[in-house]
Each structure stands twice: as C-alpha cells, then as structure tokens.
C-alpha cells in the first residue's frame, strides 16, 4: 500500500495524486463532482492568510477547499 498523507499536510506547489476520500457521502459526492477523484493529480497553490481555505489546482482548475474537508482527502506522492 502507498504511504498516504492528508491533503492539508501537502506542501505548496508539491504535486500529489488523490488516493482516497474519507468523509460523508454528500460531501464526497460534491468533491467527486468537482473532479476530486482517486488517481487525479492535485497541487496546493495558495494559502489564505489565515491558512483556511487553501487553493488547489486540479485538472486545470483552481478550487478552494476548506481544511475540514481537505483533511479527509488522502494523497500520495
């Protein structure tokens, strides 16, 4: 099995691939509708001054994801 880390622990501008999403079905469905699906590349590109939310580039689009949701998305390098 691959070593995974929460998306919130990924350093800025470091690309990783999504491994799993561990949250309620409604939030998981919404994230998947936005393109956050396993084996897709994702890169944190900007942190707000408070650190929440963080902007991520995924499939050529920039999405802001709250830390409470991003901590349930696991990625591997």
N, C-alpha and C. Protein backbone atom coordinates (compact mmCIF):
# COMPACT_ATOMS: atom_id res chain seq x y z
N UNK A 1 0.84 -1.19 0.00
CA UNK A 1 0.00 0.00 0.00
C UNK A 1 0.88 1.24 0.00
N UNK A 2 0.42 2.26 -0.66
CA UNK A 2 1.17 3.52 -0.74
C UNK A 2 1.08 4.28 0.58
N UNK A 3 2.14 5.02 0.90
CA UNK A 3 2.10 5.89 2.07
C UNK A 3 1.27 7.11 1.71
N UNK A 4 0.24 7.36 2.47
CA UNK A 4 -0.65 8.48 2.19
C UNK A 4 -0.57 9.52 3.30
N UNK A 5 -0.87 10.75 2.94
CA UNK A 5 -0.93 11.84 3.90
C UNK A 5 -2.21 12.63 3.63
N UNK A 6 -2.73 13.34 4.63
CA UNK A 6 -3.88 14.19 4.38
C UNK A 6 -3.50 15.33 3.44
N UNK A 7 -4.43 15.75 2.64
CA UNK A 7 -4.18 16.83 1.68
C UNK A 7 -3.70 18.09 2.39
N UNK A 8 -4.14 18.33 3.60
CA UNK A 8 -3.73 19.51 4.35
C UNK A 8 -2.24 19.51 4.69
N UNK A 9 -1.60 18.33 4.68
CA UNK A 9 -0.18 18.23 5.00
C UNK A 9 0.73 18.38 3.79
N UNK A 10 0.15 18.50 2.60
CA UNK A 10 0.93 18.63 1.38
C UNK A 10 1.48 20.05 1.26
N UNK A 11 2.77 20.17 1.00
CA UNK A 11 3.42 21.48 0.88
C UNK A 11 2.96 22.19 -0.39
N UNK A 12 2.99 23.52 -0.34
CA UNK A 12 2.61 24.32 -1.51
C UNK A 12 3.46 23.93 -2.72
N UNK A 13 2.83 23.89 -3.86
CA UNK A 13 3.44 23.61 -5.16
C UNK A 13 4.03 22.21 -5.28
N UNK A 14 3.65 21.31 -4.40
CA UNK A 14 4.08 19.92 -4.48
C UNK A 14 2.92 19.08 -4.99
N UNK A 15 3.10 18.46 -6.15
CA UNK A 15 2.02 17.69 -6.77
C UNK A 15 1.92 16.30 -6.15
N UNK A 16 0.68 15.86 -5.96
CA UNK A 16 0.42 14.51 -5.46
C UNK A 16 -0.80 13.95 -6.18
N UNK A 17 -1.06 12.69 -5.95
CA UNK A 17 -2.23 12.05 -6.54
C UNK A 17 -3.20 11.67 -5.43
N UNK A 18 -4.47 11.84 -5.72
CA UNK A 18 -5.50 11.53 -4.74
C UNK A 18 -5.59 10.02 -4.58
N UNK A 19 -5.64 9.59 -3.32
CA UNK A 19 -5.75 8.17 -3.02
C UNK A 19 -7.18 7.83 -2.59
N UNK A 20 -7.65 8.45 -1.52
CA UNK A 20 -8.99 8.18 -1.02
C UNK A 20 -9.64 9.44 -0.47
N UNK A 21 -10.96 9.39 -0.38
CA UNK A 21 -11.74 10.47 0.23
C UNK A 21 -12.56 9.83 1.34
N UNK A 22 -12.31 10.23 2.58
CA UNK A 22 -12.99 9.65 3.74
C UNK A 22 -13.86 10.69 4.42
N UNK A 23 -15.06 10.90 3.89
CA UNK A 23 -15.98 11.85 4.51
C UNK A 23 -17.41 11.39 4.23
N UNK A 24 -18.38 12.15 4.69
CA UNK A 24 -19.77 11.76 4.49
C UNK A 24 -20.09 11.65 3.00
N UNK A 25 -21.06 10.85 2.67
CA UNK A 25 -21.39 10.61 1.27
C UNK A 25 -21.77 11.87 0.52
N UNK A 26 -22.47 12.80 1.16
CA UNK A 26 -22.88 14.02 0.47
C UNK A 26 -21.68 14.90 0.11
N UNK A 27 -20.74 15.03 1.04
CA UNK A 27 -19.54 15.82 0.76
C UNK A 27 -18.65 15.10 -0.24
N UNK A 28 -18.52 13.79 -0.08
CA UNK A 28 -17.72 13.01 -1.02
C UNK A 28 -18.26 13.14 -2.43
N UNK A 29 -19.56 13.08 -2.58
CA UNK A 29 -20.18 13.21 -3.90
C UNK A 29 -19.89 14.59 -4.49
N UNK A 30 -19.99 15.64 -3.69
CA UNK A 30 -19.72 17.00 -4.15
C UNK A 30 -18.27 17.14 -4.59
N UNK A 31 -17.34 16.62 -3.80
CA UNK A 31 -15.92 16.69 -4.16
C UNK A 31 -15.65 15.93 -5.46
N UNK A 32 -16.27 14.77 -5.60
CA UNK A 32 -16.08 13.99 -6.82
C UNK A 32 -16.67 14.71 -8.03
N UNK A 33 -17.80 15.39 -7.84
CA UNK A 33 -18.39 16.18 -8.92
C UNK A 33 -17.45 17.30 -9.37
N UNK A 34 -16.62 17.79 -8.45
CA UNK A 34 -15.66 18.85 -8.77
C UNK A 34 -14.37 18.30 -9.39
N UNK A 35 -14.28 16.97 -9.53
CA UNK A 35 -13.10 16.37 -10.16
C UNK A 35 -12.10 15.77 -9.20
N UNK A 36 -12.42 15.77 -7.93
CA UNK A 36 -11.51 15.20 -6.93
C UNK A 36 -11.81 13.71 -6.83
N UNK A 37 -11.13 12.94 -7.66
CA UNK A 37 -11.34 11.50 -7.71
C UNK A 37 -9.98 10.80 -7.61
N UNK A 38 -9.98 9.55 -7.15
CA UNK A 38 -8.71 8.83 -7.00
C UNK A 38 -7.87 8.82 -8.27
N UNK A 39 -6.56 8.91 -8.08
CA UNK A 39 -5.51 8.88 -9.11
C UNK A 39 -5.42 10.18 -9.91
N UNK A 40 -6.13 11.21 -9.49
CA UNK A 40 -6.05 12.51 -10.15
C UNK A 40 -4.98 13.36 -9.47
N UNK A 41 -4.19 14.09 -10.24
CA UNK A 41 -3.16 14.96 -9.67
C UNK A 41 -3.79 16.20 -9.06
N UNK A 42 -3.22 16.62 -7.93
CA UNK A 42 -3.68 17.82 -7.24
C UNK A 42 -2.47 18.53 -6.65
N UNK A 43 -2.49 19.87 -6.70
CA UNK A 43 -1.37 20.67 -6.23
C UNK A 43 -1.88 21.86 -5.42
N UNK A 44 -1.47 22.01 -4.16
CA UNK A 44 -1.83 23.22 -3.41
C UNK A 44 -1.02 24.40 -3.95
N UNK A 45 -1.71 25.48 -4.32
CA UNK A 45 -1.00 26.59 -4.95
C UNK A 45 -1.08 27.89 -4.16
N UNK A 46 -2.01 28.00 -3.21
CA UNK A 46 -2.13 29.25 -2.47
C UNK A 46 -2.85 29.00 -1.15
N UNK A 47 -2.30 29.57 -0.07
CA UNK A 47 -2.95 29.53 1.24
C UNK A 47 -3.44 30.92 1.58
N UNK A 48 -4.65 31.01 2.10
CA UNK A 48 -5.13 32.32 2.54
C UNK A 48 -4.31 32.74 3.76
N UNK A 49 -4.40 33.99 4.14
CA UNK A 49 -3.59 34.49 5.25
C UNK A 49 -3.90 33.75 6.55
N UNK A 50 -5.11 33.30 6.72
CA UNK A 50 -5.47 32.55 7.92
C UNK A 50 -5.14 31.06 7.79
N UNK A 51 -4.77 30.63 6.57
CA UNK A 51 -4.44 29.23 6.33
C UNK A 51 -5.64 28.37 5.96
N UNK A 52 -6.82 28.95 5.93
CA UNK A 52 -8.03 28.21 5.60
C UNK A 52 -8.99 29.12 4.86
N UNK A 53 -9.38 28.84 3.65
CA UNK A 53 -9.13 27.63 2.87
C UNK A 53 -7.80 27.70 2.12
N UNK A 54 -7.52 26.61 1.43
CA UNK A 54 -6.33 26.51 0.58
C UNK A 54 -6.81 26.31 -0.85
N UNK A 55 -6.14 26.97 -1.79
CA UNK A 55 -6.49 26.82 -3.21
C UNK A 55 -5.65 25.69 -3.80
N UNK A 56 -6.32 24.81 -4.53
CA UNK A 56 -5.67 23.66 -5.15
C UNK A 56 -5.91 23.69 -6.65
N UNK A 57 -4.89 23.30 -7.41
CA UNK A 57 -5.07 23.15 -8.85
C UNK A 57 -5.33 21.68 -9.14
N UNK A 58 -6.43 21.44 -9.83
CA UNK A 58 -6.80 20.08 -10.20
C UNK A 58 -7.46 20.10 -11.56
N UNK A 59 -6.90 19.35 -12.48
CA UNK A 59 -7.43 19.26 -13.85
C UNK A 59 -7.55 20.62 -14.52
N UNK A 60 -6.56 21.48 -14.29
CA UNK A 60 -6.53 22.79 -14.93
C UNK A 60 -7.45 23.82 -14.31
N UNK A 61 -8.06 23.49 -13.18
CA UNK A 61 -8.97 24.39 -12.49
C UNK A 61 -8.46 24.65 -11.08
N UNK A 62 -8.74 25.83 -10.55
CA UNK A 62 -8.35 26.15 -9.18
C UNK A 62 -9.60 26.07 -8.30
N UNK A 63 -9.50 25.28 -7.23
CA UNK A 63 -10.59 25.11 -6.28
C UNK A 63 -10.12 25.47 -4.88
N UNK A 64 -10.95 26.15 -4.13
CA UNK A 64 -10.65 26.43 -2.73
C UNK A 64 -11.37 25.38 -1.89
N UNK A 65 -10.61 24.69 -1.06
CA UNK A 65 -11.18 23.64 -0.23
C UNK A 65 -10.88 23.96 1.23
N UNK A 66 -11.92 23.91 2.06
CA UNK A 66 -11.75 24.16 3.49
C UNK A 66 -10.92 23.04 4.11
N UNK A 67 -10.16 23.39 5.13
CA UNK A 67 -9.30 22.42 5.80
C UNK A 67 -10.11 21.27 6.40
N UNK A 68 -11.30 21.55 6.90
CA UNK A 68 -12.11 20.48 7.50
C UNK A 68 -12.49 19.42 6.48
N UNK A 69 -12.56 19.80 5.20
CA UNK A 69 -12.82 18.82 4.14
C UNK A 69 -11.52 18.23 3.60
N UNK A 70 -10.50 19.08 3.45
CA UNK A 70 -9.22 18.62 2.88
C UNK A 70 -8.51 17.61 3.78
N UNK A 71 -8.73 17.68 5.08
CA UNK A 71 -8.06 16.72 5.97
C UNK A 71 -8.59 15.30 5.79
N UNK A 72 -9.73 15.16 5.12
CA UNK A 72 -10.30 13.84 4.86
C UNK A 72 -9.99 13.32 3.46
N UNK A 73 -9.18 14.06 2.71
CA UNK A 73 -8.72 13.64 1.39
C UNK A 73 -7.27 13.20 1.54
N UNK A 74 -6.98 11.95 1.21
CA UNK A 74 -5.64 11.41 1.38
C UNK A 74 -4.96 11.30 0.02
N UNK A 75 -3.69 11.70 -0.01
CA UNK A 75 -2.92 11.74 -1.26
C UNK A 75 -1.61 10.97 -1.08
N UNK A 76 -0.99 10.62 -2.20
CA UNK A 76 0.33 10.01 -2.19
C UNK A 76 1.20 10.73 -3.20
N UNK A 77 2.51 10.72 -2.95
CA UNK A 77 3.45 11.42 -3.82
C UNK A 77 3.90 10.55 -4.96
